[in-house]
Amino acid sequence: MRSIDYEDWKKRRQGQFLTAVEVENRFMGPHIGRRPRDPEKEQLLIKLEKARRQHLIDTGKLEILGPRLWKWRIDFKRDT
């Protein structure tokens, strides 16, 4: 079995960590997934979500109790 000097391992590990931090800090561009959505696509997604929510309210699966409070009924069978 191979033996490892713990102090040596800690020093190597710390060096690798500092190198990784330096590499990460070099990238100053926008982060992946931070691109703004197309405004037309955004409006379409909002419209679809409003229609979905209204369907849930109409079928009784979702009941709005207040501005930030609702009741979600999960005892319905799945629509097909």
PDB file of N, CA and C in Angstrom:
ATOM      1  N   MET A   1       0.835  -1.168   0.000  1.00  0.00           N
ATOM      2  CA  MET A   1       0.000   0.000   0.000  1.00  0.00           C
ATOM      3  C   MET A   1       0.888   1.242   0.000  1.00  0.00           C
ATOM      4  N   ARG A   2       0.472   2.237  -0.738  1.00  0.00           N
ATOM      5  CA  ARG A   2       1.253   3.459  -0.879  1.00  0.00           C
ATOM      6  C   ARG A   2       1.010   4.387   0.312  1.00  0.00           C
ATOM      7  N   SER A   3       2.060   4.963   0.829  1.00  0.00           N
ATOM      8  CA  SER A   3       1.896   5.901   1.938  1.00  0.00           C
ATOM      9  C   SER A   3       1.973   7.329   1.393  1.00  0.00           C
ATOM     10  N   ILE A   4       1.242   8.228   2.028  1.00  0.00           N
ATOM     11  CA  ILE A   4       1.178   9.619   1.583  1.00  0.00           C
ATOM     12  C   ILE A   4       1.531  10.523   2.763  1.00  0.00           C
ATOM     13  N   ASP A   5       2.434  11.450   2.495  1.00  0.00           N
ATOM     14  CA  ASP A   5       2.764  12.456   3.503  1.00  0.00           C
ATOM     15  C   ASP A   5       1.668  13.525   3.466  1.00  0.00           C
ATOM     16  N   TYR A   6       0.950  13.627   4.552  1.00  0.00           N
ATOM     17  CA  TYR A   6      -0.218  14.510   4.598  1.00  0.00           C
ATOM     18  C   TYR A   6       0.165  15.972   4.387  1.00  0.00           C
ATOM     19  N   GLU A   7       1.241  16.435   4.987  1.00  0.00           N
ATOM     20  CA  GLU A   7       1.661  17.838   4.842  1.00  0.00           C
ATOM     21  C   GLU A   7       2.022  18.140   3.388  1.00  0.00           C
ATOM     22  N   ASP A   8       2.706  17.211   2.733  1.00  0.00           N
ATOM     23  CA  ASP A   8       3.058  17.390   1.323  1.00  0.00           C
ATOM     24  C   ASP A   8       1.790  17.423   0.468  1.00  0.00           C
ATOM     25  N   TRP A   9       0.848  16.542   0.766  1.00  0.00           N
ATOM     26  CA  TRP A   9      -0.408  16.494   0.026  1.00  0.00           C
ATOM     27  C   TRP A   9      -1.178  17.812   0.170  1.00  0.00           C
ATOM     28  N   LYS A  10      -1.205  18.369   1.396  1.00  0.00           N
ATOM     29  CA  LYS A  10      -1.894  19.638   1.632  1.00  0.00           C
ATOM     30  C   LYS A  10      -1.259  20.768   0.821  1.00  0.00           C
ATOM     31  N   LYS A  11       0.065  20.799   0.752  1.00  0.00           N
ATOM     32  CA  LYS A  11       0.753  21.847  -0.007  1.00  0.00           C
ATOM     33  C   LYS A  11       0.437  21.737  -1.501  1.00  0.00           C
ATOM     34  N   ARG A  12       0.493  20.504  -2.035  1.00  0.00           N
ATOM     35  CA  ARG A  12       0.170  20.311  -3.450  1.00  0.00           C
ATOM     36  C   ARG A  12      -1.281  20.685  -3.737  1.00  0.00           C
ATOM     37  N   ARG A  13      -2.176  20.289  -2.848  1.00  0.00           N
ATOM     38  CA  ARG A  13      -3.607  20.570  -3.012  1.00  0.00           C
ATOM     39  C   ARG A  13      -3.875  22.072  -3.001  1.00  0.00           C
ATOM     40  N   GLN A  14      -3.208  22.795  -2.085  1.00  0.00           N
ATOM     41  CA  GLN A  14      -3.378  24.238  -2.003  1.00  0.00           C
ATOM     42  C   GLN A  14      -2.865  24.906  -3.284  1.00  0.00           C
ATOM     43  N   GLY A  15      -1.746  24.425  -3.807  1.00  0.00           N
ATOM     44  CA  GLY A  15      -1.202  24.972  -5.051  1.00  0.00           C
ATOM     45  C   GLY A  15      -2.144  24.749  -6.219  1.00  0.00           C
ATOM     46  N   GLN A  16      -2.734  23.566  -6.295  1.00  0.00           N
ATOM     47  CA  GLN A  16      -3.693  23.281  -7.366  1.00  0.00           C
ATOM     48  C   GLN A  16      -4.915  24.172  -7.250  1.00  0.00           C
ATOM     49  N   PHE A  17      -5.370  24.395  -6.022  1.00  0.00           N
ATOM     50  CA  PHE A  17      -6.535  25.246  -5.805  1.00  0.00           C
ATOM     51  C   PHE A  17      -6.254  26.674  -6.254  1.00  0.00           C
ATOM     52  N   LEU A  18      -5.094  27.214  -5.866  1.00  0.00           N
ATOM     53  CA  LEU A  18      -4.749  28.576  -6.249  1.00  0.00           C
ATOM     54  C   LEU A  18      -4.620  28.711  -7.760  1.00  0.00           C
ATOM     55  N   THR A  19      -4.072  27.696  -8.421  1.00  0.00           N
ATOM     56  CA  THR A  19      -3.967  27.716  -9.874  1.00  0.00           C
ATOM     57  C   THR A  19      -5.353  27.722 -10.510  1.00  0.00           C
ATOM     58  N   ALA A  20      -6.248  26.905  -9.989  1.00  0.00           N
ATOM     59  CA  ALA A  20      -7.609  26.854 -10.530  1.00  0.00           C
ATOM     60  C   ALA A  20      -8.319  28.192 -10.346  1.00  0.00           C
ATOM     61  N   VAL A  21      -8.125  28.838  -9.208  1.00  0.00           N
ATOM     62  CA  VAL A  21      -8.745  30.144  -8.963  1.00  0.00           C
ATOM     63  C   VAL A  21      -8.190  31.184  -9.930  1.00  0.00           C
ATOM     64  N   GLU A  22      -6.886  31.159 -10.176  1.00  0.00           N
ATOM     65  CA  GLU A  22      -6.279  32.098 -11.122  1.00  0.00           C
ATOM     66  C   GLU A  22      -6.853  31.912 -12.520  1.00  0.00           C
ATOM     67  N   VAL A  23      -6.987  30.681 -12.951  1.00  0.00           N
ATOM     68  CA  VAL A  23      -7.532  30.408 -14.284  1.00  0.00           C
ATOM     69  C   VAL A  23      -8.971  30.895 -14.372  1.00  0.00           C
ATOM     70  N   GLU A  24      -9.758  30.637 -13.352  1.00  0.00           N
ATOM     71  CA  GLU A  24     -11.156  31.056 -13.368  1.00  0.00           C
ATOM     72  C   GLU A  24     -11.286  32.571 -13.386  1.00  0.00           C
ATOM     73  N   ASN A  25     -10.410  33.254 -12.694  1.00  0.00           N
ATOM     74  CA  ASN A  25     -10.486  34.713 -12.630  1.00  0.00           C
ATOM     75  C   ASN A  25     -10.031  35.387 -13.911  1.00  0.00           C
ATOM     76  N   ARG A  26      -9.383  34.679 -14.802  1.00  0.00           N
ATOM     77  CA  ARG A  26      -8.944  35.258 -16.073  1.00  0.00           C
ATOM     78  C   ARG A  26     -10.109  35.521 -17.013  1.00  0.00           C
ATOM     79  N   PHE A  27     -11.168  34.762 -16.897  1.00  0.00           N
ATOM     80  CA  PHE A  27     -12.301  34.889 -17.802  1.00  0.00           C
ATOM     81  C   PHE A  27     -13.208  36.009 -17.302  1.00  0.00           C
ATOM     82  N   MET A  28     -13.272  37.099 -18.061  1.00  0.00           N
ATOM     83  CA  MET A  28     -14.049  38.254 -17.639  1.00  0.00           C
ATOM     84  C   MET A  28     -15.332  38.415 -18.457  1.00  0.00           C
ATOM     85  N   GLY A  29     -15.568  37.572 -19.429  1.00  0.00           N
ATOM     86  CA  GLY A  29     -16.745  37.700 -20.282  1.00  0.00           C
ATOM     87  C   GLY A  29     -18.019  37.281 -19.567  1.00  0.00           C
ATOM     88  N   PRO A  30     -19.123  37.343 -20.271  1.00  0.00           N
ATOM     89  CA  PRO A  30     -20.402  36.939 -19.655  1.00  0.00           C
ATOM     90  C   PRO A  30     -20.404  35.454 -19.337  1.00  0.00           C
ATOM     91  N   HIS A  31     -21.078  35.102 -18.274  1.00  0.00           N
ATOM     92  CA  HIS A  31     -21.157  33.714 -17.862  1.00  0.00           C
ATOM     93  C   HIS A  31     -22.156  32.964 -18.725  1.00  0.00           C
ATOM     94  N   ILE A  32     -21.958  31.671 -18.837  1.00  0.00           N
ATOM     95  CA  ILE A  32     -22.867  30.836 -19.604  1.00  0.00           C
ATOM     96  C   ILE A  32     -24.234  30.867 -18.937  1.00  0.00           C
ATOM     97  N   GLY A  33     -25.280  31.014 -19.723  1.00  0.00           N
ATOM     98  CA  GLY A  33     -26.634  31.028 -19.200  1.00  0.00           C
ATOM     99  C   GLY A  33     -27.091  32.404 -18.749  1.00  0.00           C
ATOM    100  N   ARG A  34     -26.290  33.408 -18.931  1.00  0.00           N
ATOM    101  CA  ARG A  34     -26.659  34.758 -18.512  1.00  0.00           C
ATOM    102  C   ARG A  34     -27.113  35.624 -19.694  1.00  0.00           C
ATOM    103  N   ARG A  35     -27.232  35.012 -20.869  1.00  0.00           N
ATOM    104  CA  ARG A  35     -27.635  35.757 -22.050  1.00  0.00           C
ATOM    105  C   ARG A  35     -29.107  36.159 -21.910  1.00  0.00           C
ATOM    106  N   PRO A  36     -29.442  37.409 -22.158  1.00  0.00           N
ATOM    107  CA  PRO A  36     -30.843  37.802 -22.051  1.00  0.00           C
ATOM    108  C   PRO A  36     -31.690  37.118 -23.126  1.00  0.00           C
ATOM    109  N   ARG A  37     -32.923  36.830 -22.765  1.00  0.00           N
ATOM    110  CA  ARG A  37     -33.832  36.199 -23.725  1.00  0.00           C
ATOM    111  C   ARG A  37     -34.282  37.196 -24.771  1.00  0.00           C
ATOM    112  N   ASP A  38     -34.674  36.654 -25.895  1.00  0.00           N
ATOM    113  CA  ASP A  38     -35.282  37.436 -26.951  1.00  0.00           C
ATOM    114  C   ASP A  38     -36.604  37.989 -26.407  1.00  0.00           C
ATOM    115  N   PRO A  39     -36.881  39.301 -26.523  1.00  0.00           N
ATOM    116  CA  PRO A  39     -38.115  39.870 -25.971  1.00  0.00           C
ATOM    117  C   PRO A  39     -39.383  39.210 -26.513  1.00  0.00           C
ATOM    118  N   GLU A  40     -39.371  38.845 -27.784  1.00  0.00           N
ATOM    119  CA  GLU A  40     -40.547  38.185 -28.368  1.00  0.00           C
ATOM    120  C   GLU A  40     -40.758  36.811 -27.729  1.00  0.00           C
ATOM    121  N   LYS A  41     -39.679  36.081 -27.528  1.00  0.00           N
ATOM    122  CA  LYS A  41     -39.761  34.773 -26.877  1.00  0.00           C
ATOM    123  C   LYS A  41     -40.220  34.915 -25.434  1.00  0.00           C
ATOM    124  N   GLU A  42     -39.731  35.941 -24.745  1.00  0.00           N
ATOM    125  CA  GLU A  42     -40.129  36.196 -23.366  1.00  0.00           C
ATOM    126  C   GLU A  42     -41.635  36.434 -23.268  1.00  0.00           C
ATOM    127  N   GLN A  43     -42.176  37.251 -24.170  1.00  0.00           N
ATOM    128  CA  GLN A  43     -43.618  37.528 -24.161  1.00  0.00           C
ATOM    129  C   GLN A  43     -44.427  36.270 -24.462  1.00  0.00           C
ATOM    130  N   LEU A  44     -43.939  35.441 -25.368  1.00  0.00           N
ATOM    131  CA  LEU A  44     -44.620  34.192 -25.693  1.00  0.00           C
ATOM    132  C   LEU A  44     -44.634  33.248 -24.491  1.00  0.00           C
ATOM    133  N   LEU A  45     -43.514  33.140 -23.790  1.00  0.00           N
ATOM    134  CA  LEU A  45     -43.452  32.276 -22.616  1.00  0.00           C
ATOM    135  C   LEU A  45     -44.373  32.773 -21.504  1.00  0.00           C
ATOM    136  N   ILE A  46     -44.471  34.080 -21.327  1.00  0.00           N
ATOM    137  CA  ILE A  46     -45.381  34.647 -20.333  1.00  0.00           C
ATOM    138  C   ILE A  46     -46.824  34.335 -20.698  1.00  0.00           C
ATOM    139  N   LYS A  47     -47.155  34.479 -21.963  1.00  0.00           N
ATOM    140  CA  LYS A  47     -48.515  34.189 -22.435  1.00  0.00           C
ATOM    141  C   LYS A  47     -48.874  32.719 -22.224  1.00  0.00           C
ATOM    142  N   LEU A  48     -47.937  31.813 -22.522  1.00  0.00           N
ATOM    143  CA  LEU A  48     -48.177  30.383 -22.329  1.00  0.00           C
ATOM    144  C   LEU A  48     -48.353  30.046 -20.848  1.00  0.00           C
ATOM    145  N   GLU A  49     -47.551  30.652 -19.985  1.00  0.00           N
ATOM    146  CA  GLU A  49     -47.652  30.388 -18.555  1.00  0.00           C
ATOM    147  C   GLU A  49     -48.977  30.903 -17.990  1.00  0.00           C
ATOM    148  N   LYS A  50     -49.418  32.068 -18.445  1.00  0.00           N
ATOM    149  CA  LYS A  50     -50.705  32.598 -17.989  1.00  0.00           C
ATOM    150  C   LYS A  50     -51.850  31.679 -18.421  1.00  0.00           C
ATOM    151  N   ALA A  51     -51.784  31.166 -19.640  1.00  0.00           N
ATOM    152  CA  ALA A  51     -52.818  30.250 -20.124  1.00  0.00           C
ATOM    153  C   ALA A  51     -52.799  28.948 -19.325  1.00  0.00           C
ATOM    154  N   ARG A  52     -51.619  28.439 -19.020  1.00  0.00           N
ATOM    155  CA  ARG A  52     -51.509  27.208 -18.228  1.00  0.00           C
ATOM    156  C   ARG A  52     -52.070  27.414 -16.833  1.00  0.00           C
ATOM    157  N   ARG A  53     -51.726  28.536 -16.208  1.00  0.00           N
ATOM    158  CA  ARG A  53     -52.226  28.820 -14.866  1.00  0.00           C
ATOM    159  C   ARG A  53     -53.746  28.980 -14.865  1.00  0.00           C
ATOM    160  N   GLN A  54     -54.287  29.659 -15.893  1.00  0.00           N
ATOM    161  CA  GLN A  54     -55.735  29.829 -15.970  1.00  0.00           C
ATOM    162  C   GLN A  54     -56.433  28.484 -16.151  1.00  0.00           C
ATOM    163  N   HIS A  55     -55.840  27.591 -16.928  1.00  0.00           N
ATOM    164  CA  HIS A  55     -56.401  26.246 -17.104  1.00  0.00           C
ATOM    165  C   HIS A  55     -56.432  25.497 -15.775  1.00  0.00           C
ATOM    166  N   LEU A  56     -55.377  25.605 -14.992  1.00  0.00           N
ATOM    167  CA  LEU A  56     -55.334  24.950 -13.687  1.00  0.00           C
ATOM    168  C   LEU A  56     -56.393  25.518 -12.743  1.00  0.00           C
ATOM    169  N   ILE A  57     -56.601  26.827 -12.793  1.00  0.00           N
ATOM    170  CA  ILE A  57     -57.622  27.453 -11.953  1.00  0.00           C
ATOM    171  C   ILE A  57     -59.013  27.009 -12.395  1.00  0.00           C
ATOM    172  N   ASP A  58     -59.252  26.982 -13.704  1.00  0.00           N
ATOM    173  CA  ASP A  58     -60.562  26.589 -14.236  1.00  0.00           C
ATOM    174  C   ASP A  58     -60.908  25.141 -13.898  1.00  0.00           C
ATOM    175  N   THR A  59     -59.924  24.253 -13.892  1.00  0.00           N
ATOM    176  CA  THR A  59     -60.185  22.846 -13.600  1.00  0.00           C
ATOM    177  C   THR A  59     -60.223  22.560 -12.098  1.00  0.00           C
ATOM    178  N   GLY A  60     -59.874  23.536 -11.269  1.00  0.00           N
ATOM    179  CA  GLY A  60     -59.923  23.354  -9.827  1.00  0.00           C
ATOM    180  C   GLY A  60     -58.656  22.766  -9.233  1.00  0.00           C
ATOM    181  N   LYS A  61     -57.634  22.577 -10.025  1.00  0.00           N
ATOM    182  CA  LYS A  61     -56.380  22.029  -9.502  1.00  0.00           C
ATOM    183  C   LYS A  61     -55.591  23.068  -8.718  1.00  0.00           C
ATOM    184  N   LEU A  62     -55.821  24.339  -9.024  1.00  0.00           N
ATOM    185  CA  LEU A  62     -55.123  25.417  -8.349  1.00  0.00           C
ATOM    186  C   LEU A  62     -56.161  26.415  -7.850  1.00  0.00           C
ATOM    187  N   GLU A  63     -56.058  26.764  -6.587  1.00  0.00           N
ATOM    188  CA  GLU A  63     -56.982  27.731  -6.001  1.00  0.00           C
ATOM    189  C   GLU A  63     -56.161  28.868  -5.415  1.00  0.00           C
ATOM    190  N   ILE A  64     -56.422  30.085  -5.886  1.00  0.00           N
ATOM    191  CA  ILE A  64     -55.708  31.257  -5.403  1.00  0.00           C
ATOM    192  C   ILE A  64     -56.381  31.733  -4.117  1.00  0.00           C
ATOM    193  N   LEU A  65     -55.639  31.758  -3.018  1.00  0.00           N
ATOM    194  CA  LEU A  65     -56.166  32.177  -1.721  1.00  0.00           C
ATOM    195  C   LEU A  65     -55.784  33.611  -1.382  1.00  0.00           C
ATOM    196  N   GLY A  66     -54.701  34.107  -1.960  1.00  0.00           N
ATOM    197  CA  GLY A  66     -54.230  35.458  -1.700  1.00  0.00           C
ATOM    198  C   GLY A  66     -53.160  35.822  -2.705  1.00  0.00           C
ATOM    199  N   PRO A  67     -52.583  37.019  -2.589  1.00  0.00           N
ATOM    200  CA  PRO A  67     -51.581  37.438  -3.562  1.00  0.00           C
ATOM    201  C   PRO A  67     -50.363  36.511  -3.623  1.00  0.00           C
ATOM    202  N   ARG A  68     -49.982  35.947  -2.483  1.00  0.00           N
ATOM    203  CA  ARG A  68     -48.818  35.057  -2.474  1.00  0.00           C
ATOM    204  C   ARG A  68     -49.131  33.720  -1.828  1.00  0.00           C
ATOM    205  N   LEU A  69     -50.394  33.341  -1.877  1.00  0.00           N
ATOM    206  CA  LEU A  69     -50.821  32.107  -1.235  1.00  0.00           C
ATOM    207  C   LEU A  69     -51.805  31.381  -2.138  1.00  0.00           C
ATOM    208  N   TRP A  70     -51.568  30.085  -2.361  1.00  0.00           N
ATOM    209  CA  TRP A  70     -52.473  29.296  -3.170  1.00  0.00           C
ATOM    210  C   TRP A  70     -52.543  27.882  -2.628  1.00  0.00           C
ATOM    211  N   LYS A  71     -53.553  27.160  -3.086  1.00  0.00           N
ATOM    212  CA  LYS A  71     -53.724  25.758  -2.694  1.00  0.00           C
ATOM    213  C   LYS A  71     -53.612  24.921  -3.967  1.00  0.00           C
ATOM    214  N   TRP A  72     -52.770  23.924  -3.912  1.00  0.00           N
ATOM    215  CA  TRP A  72     -52.491  23.057  -5.058  1.00  0.00           C
ATOM    216  C   TRP A  72     -53.121  21.702  -4.782  1.00  0.00           C
ATOM    217  N   ARG A  73     -54.092  21.299  -5.615  1.00  0.00           N
ATOM    218  CA  ARG A  73     -54.764  20.016  -5.436  1.00  0.00           C
ATOM    219  C   ARG A  73     -54.067  18.971  -6.301  1.00  0.00           C
ATOM    220  N   ILE A  74     -53.576  17.923  -5.682  1.00  0.00           N
ATOM    221  CA  ILE A  74     -52.849  16.891  -6.432  1.00  0.00           C
ATOM    222  C   ILE A  74     -53.607  15.578  -6.461  1.00  0.00           C
ATOM    223  N   ASP A  75     -54.857  15.574  -5.992  1.00  0.00           N
ATOM    224  CA  ASP A  75     -55.601  14.331  -5.958  1.00  0.00           C
ATOM    225  C   ASP A  75     -56.375  14.063  -7.247  1.00  0.00           C
ATOM    226  N   PHE A  76     -56.133  14.880  -8.294  1.00  0.00           N
ATOM    227  CA  PHE A  76     -56.785  14.684  -9.578  1.00  0.00           C
ATOM    228  C   PHE A  76     -56.047  13.619 -10.389  1.00  0.00           C
ATOM    229  N   LYS A  77     -56.794  12.896 -11.213  1.00  0.00           N
ATOM    230  CA  LYS A  77     -56.130  11.990 -12.145  1.00  0.00           C
ATOM    231  C   LYS A  77     -55.513  12.819 -13.269  1.00  0.00           C
ATOM    232  N   ARG A  78     -54.500  12.273 -13.858  1.00  0.00           N
ATOM    233  CA  ARG A  78     -53.779  12.984 -14.902  1.00  0.00           C
ATOM    234  C   ARG A  78     -54.618  13.114 -16.160  1.00  0.00           C
ATOM    235  N   ASP A  79     -54.617  14.341 -16.776  1.00  0.00           N
ATOM    236  CA  ASP A  79     -55.330  14.565 -18.043  1.00  0.00           C
ATOM    237  C   ASP A  79     -54.615  13.844 -19.163  1.00  0.00           C
ATOM    238  N   THR A  80     -55.382  13.285 -20.080  1.00  0.00           N
ATOM    239  CA  THR A  80     -54.770  12.632 -21.240  1.00  0.00           C
ATOM    240  C   THR A  80     -55.308  13.204 -22.506  1.00  0.00           C
TER     241      THR A  80
END
